[in-house]
C-alpha atoms as a PDB file:
ATOM      1  CA  UNK A   1      93.515 114.458  95.005  1.00  0.00           C
ATOM      2  CA  UNK A   2      94.135 111.532  92.682  1.00  0.00           C
ATOM      3  CA  UNK A   3      95.911 109.654  95.460  1.00  0.00           C
ATOM      4  CA  UNK A   4      92.839 110.025  97.683  1.00  0.00           C
ATOM      5  CA  UNK A   5      90.568 108.683  94.935  1.00  0.00           C
ATOM      6  CA  UNK A   6      92.883 105.700  94.392  1.00  0.00           C
ATOM      7  CA  UNK A   7      92.844 105.043  98.145  1.00  0.00           C
ATOM      8  CA  UNK A   8      89.042 105.043  98.172  1.00  0.00           C
ATOM      9  CA  UNK A   9      88.932 102.692  95.172  1.00  0.00           C
ATOM     10  CA  UNK A  10      91.423 100.382  96.880  1.00  0.00           C
ATOM     11  CA  UNK A  11      89.323 100.265 100.055  1.00  0.00           C
ATOM     12  CA  UNK A  12      86.135  99.611  98.071  1.00  0.00           C
ATOM     13  CA  UNK A  13      87.892  96.832  96.148  1.00  0.00           C
ATOM     14  CA  UNK A  14      89.050  95.254  99.421  1.00  0.00           C
ATOM     15  CA  UNK A  15      85.489  95.413 100.740  1.00  0.00           C
ATOM     16  CA  UNK A  16      84.161  93.752  97.568  1.00  0.00           C
ATOM     17  CA  UNK A  17      86.833  91.029  97.669  1.00  0.00           C
END
């Protein structure tokens, strides 16, 4: 589950940057 959350955060970060 944690991996999925980290993946989502990574995607969101990429979208922001």
